[in-house]
Amino acid sequence: MAGANTAKFHNDMGVEIIEIGAREFECIGAKPPFDHPHIYLEMGNSNEVICPYCSTLYRHNDTLAGNGAIPEQAKLVE
């Protein structure tokens, strides 16, 4: 699953829920240097998954592109 095209998200904003277009992605918590271990998450058949490190709830939104997010600033731009 993990690869160069894997969508990456963070929660510097401290919101409870981030809607994303991807079902498989990487959560880094906050931006470096305050990030948690980078973890790859999969939603599987569910529409939601909670990051076990930062407790952010990621919810799938099929109207978004694979790297799309609400709020938009949750997308990690490297």
C-alpha atoms as a PDB file:
ATOM      1  CA  MET A   1       0.000   0.000   0.000  1.00  0.00           C
ATOM      2  CA  ALA A   2       2.645   2.560   0.995  1.00  0.00           C
ATOM      3  CA  GLY A   3       4.317   4.294  -1.874  1.00  0.00           C
ATOM      4  CA  ALA A   4       5.353   7.560  -3.436  1.00  0.00           C
ATOM      5  CA  ASN A   5       1.762   8.357  -4.406  1.00  0.00           C
ATOM      6  CA  THR A   6       0.256   7.681  -0.980  1.00  0.00           C
ATOM      7  CA  ALA A   7      -1.865  10.600   0.244  1.00  0.00           C
ATOM      8  CA  LYS A   8      -0.481  12.201   3.422  1.00  0.00           C
ATOM      9  CA  PHE A   9      -2.458  14.184   5.967  1.00  0.00           C
ATOM     10  CA  HIS A  10      -1.788  16.078   9.195  1.00  0.00           C
ATOM     11  CA  ASN A  11      -3.927  17.697  11.872  1.00  0.00           C
ATOM     12  CA  ASP A  12      -2.081  20.871  12.878  1.00  0.00           C
ATOM     13  CA  MET A  13      -5.492  22.537  13.093  1.00  0.00           C
ATOM     14  CA  GLY A  14      -6.603  20.256  15.922  1.00  0.00           C
ATOM     15  CA  VAL A  15      -9.966  19.409  14.353  1.00  0.00           C
ATOM     16  CA  GLU A  16     -11.868  16.293  15.441  1.00  0.00           C
ATOM     17  CA  ILE A  17     -12.790  15.074  11.935  1.00  0.00           C
ATOM     18  CA  ILE A  18     -10.958  15.318   8.621  1.00  0.00           C
ATOM     19  CA  GLU A  19     -12.824  14.279   5.486  1.00  0.00           C
ATOM     20  CA  ILE A  20     -10.571  12.757   2.830  1.00  0.00           C
ATOM     21  CA  GLY A  21     -10.882  11.275  -0.642  1.00  0.00           C
ATOM     22  CA  ALA A  22      -8.443   8.405  -0.004  1.00  0.00           C
ATOM     23  CA  ARG A  23      -9.228   5.104   1.701  1.00  0.00           C
ATOM     24  CA  GLU A  24      -5.527   4.303   2.229  1.00  0.00           C
ATOM     25  CA  PHE A  25      -3.259   7.089   3.453  1.00  0.00           C
ATOM     26  CA  GLU A  26      -0.520   8.217   5.824  1.00  0.00           C
ATOM     27  CA  CYS A  27      -1.220  10.208   9.002  1.00  0.00           C
ATOM     28  CA  ILE A  28       1.681  12.156  10.503  1.00  0.00           C
ATOM     29  CA  GLY A  29      -0.243  13.888  13.306  1.00  0.00           C
ATOM     30  CA  ALA A  30       1.146  17.425  13.291  1.00  0.00           C
ATOM     31  CA  LYS A  31       3.754  18.879  10.963  1.00  0.00           C
ATOM     32  CA  PRO A  32       7.413  18.240  11.884  1.00  0.00           C
ATOM     33  CA  PRO A  33       8.974  18.602  14.348  1.00  0.00           C
ATOM     34  CA  PHE A  34       5.785  17.864  16.305  1.00  0.00           C
ATOM     35  CA  ASP A  35       4.734  14.855  14.221  1.00  0.00           C
ATOM     36  CA  HIS A  36       3.979  11.423  15.649  1.00  0.00           C
ATOM     37  CA  PRO A  37       5.329   8.228  14.050  1.00  0.00           C
ATOM     38  CA  HIS A  38       4.090   8.239  10.467  1.00  0.00           C
ATOM     39  CA  ILE A  39       1.425   5.556  10.218  1.00  0.00           C
ATOM     40  CA  TYR A  40      -0.340   4.084   7.208  1.00  0.00           C
ATOM     41  CA  LEU A  41      -4.075   3.628   7.710  1.00  0.00           C
ATOM     42  CA  GLU A  42      -6.702   1.777   5.668  1.00  0.00           C
ATOM     43  CA  MET A  43     -10.458   2.193   5.934  1.00  0.00           C
ATOM     44  CA  GLY A  44     -11.274  -1.167   4.371  1.00  0.00           C
ATOM     45  CA  ASN A  45     -15.058  -1.569   4.083  1.00  0.00           C
ATOM     46  CA  SER A  46     -15.682   1.207   6.612  1.00  0.00           C
ATOM     47  CA  ASN A  47     -16.013   4.905   5.820  1.00  0.00           C
ATOM     48  CA  GLU A  48     -14.017   5.987   8.877  1.00  0.00           C
ATOM     49  CA  VAL A  49     -10.802   5.218  10.705  1.00  0.00           C
ATOM     50  CA  ILE A  50      -9.252   6.733  13.844  1.00  0.00           C
ATOM     51  CA  CYS A  51      -5.509   7.309  14.043  1.00  0.00           C
ATOM     52  CA  PRO A  52      -4.253   5.425  17.123  1.00  0.00           C
ATOM     53  CA  TYR A  53      -1.611   8.097  17.813  1.00  0.00           C
ATOM     54  CA  CYS A  54      -3.434  11.433  17.487  1.00  0.00           C
ATOM     55  CA  SER A  55      -7.063  10.218  17.674  1.00  0.00           C
ATOM     56  CA  THR A  56      -8.027  12.137  14.541  1.00  0.00           C
ATOM     57  CA  LEU A  57     -11.142  10.675  12.931  1.00  0.00           C
ATOM     58  CA  TYR A  58     -10.684  10.378   9.179  1.00  0.00           C
ATOM     59  CA  ARG A  59     -13.934  10.074   7.230  1.00  0.00           C
ATOM     60  CA  HIS A  60     -14.088   9.095   3.550  1.00  0.00           C
ATOM     61  CA  ASN A  61     -15.794  11.590   1.250  1.00  0.00           C
ATOM     62  CA  ASP A  62     -16.180  10.218  -2.275  1.00  0.00           C
ATOM     63  CA  THR A  63     -16.700  13.701  -3.728  1.00  0.00           C
ATOM     64  CA  LEU A  64     -13.031  14.521  -2.997  1.00  0.00           C
ATOM     65  CA  ALA A  65     -10.005  13.567  -5.099  1.00  0.00           C
ATOM     66  CA  GLY A  66      -7.705  10.934  -3.595  1.00  0.00           C
ATOM     67  CA  ASN A  67      -5.502  13.540  -1.931  1.00  0.00           C
ATOM     68  CA  GLY A  68      -8.364  15.942  -1.221  1.00  0.00           C
ATOM     69  CA  ALA A  69      -9.311  16.956   2.309  1.00  0.00           C
ATOM     70  CA  ILE A  70     -11.778  19.046   4.281  1.00  0.00           C
ATOM     71  CA  PRO A  71     -10.308  21.161   5.760  1.00  0.00           C
ATOM     72  CA  GLU A  72      -8.057  21.574   2.728  1.00  0.00           C
ATOM     73  CA  GLN A  73      -5.023  22.535   4.838  1.00  0.00           C
ATOM     74  CA  ALA A  74      -4.943  18.958   6.236  1.00  0.00           C
ATOM     75  CA  LYS A  75      -3.192  17.810   3.029  1.00  0.00           C
ATOM     76  CA  LEU A  76       0.542  17.490   3.603  1.00  0.00           C
ATOM     77  CA  VAL A  77       2.428  19.396   0.920  1.00  0.00           C
ATOM     78  CA  GLU A  78       6.047  18.313   0.780  1.00  0.00           C
END
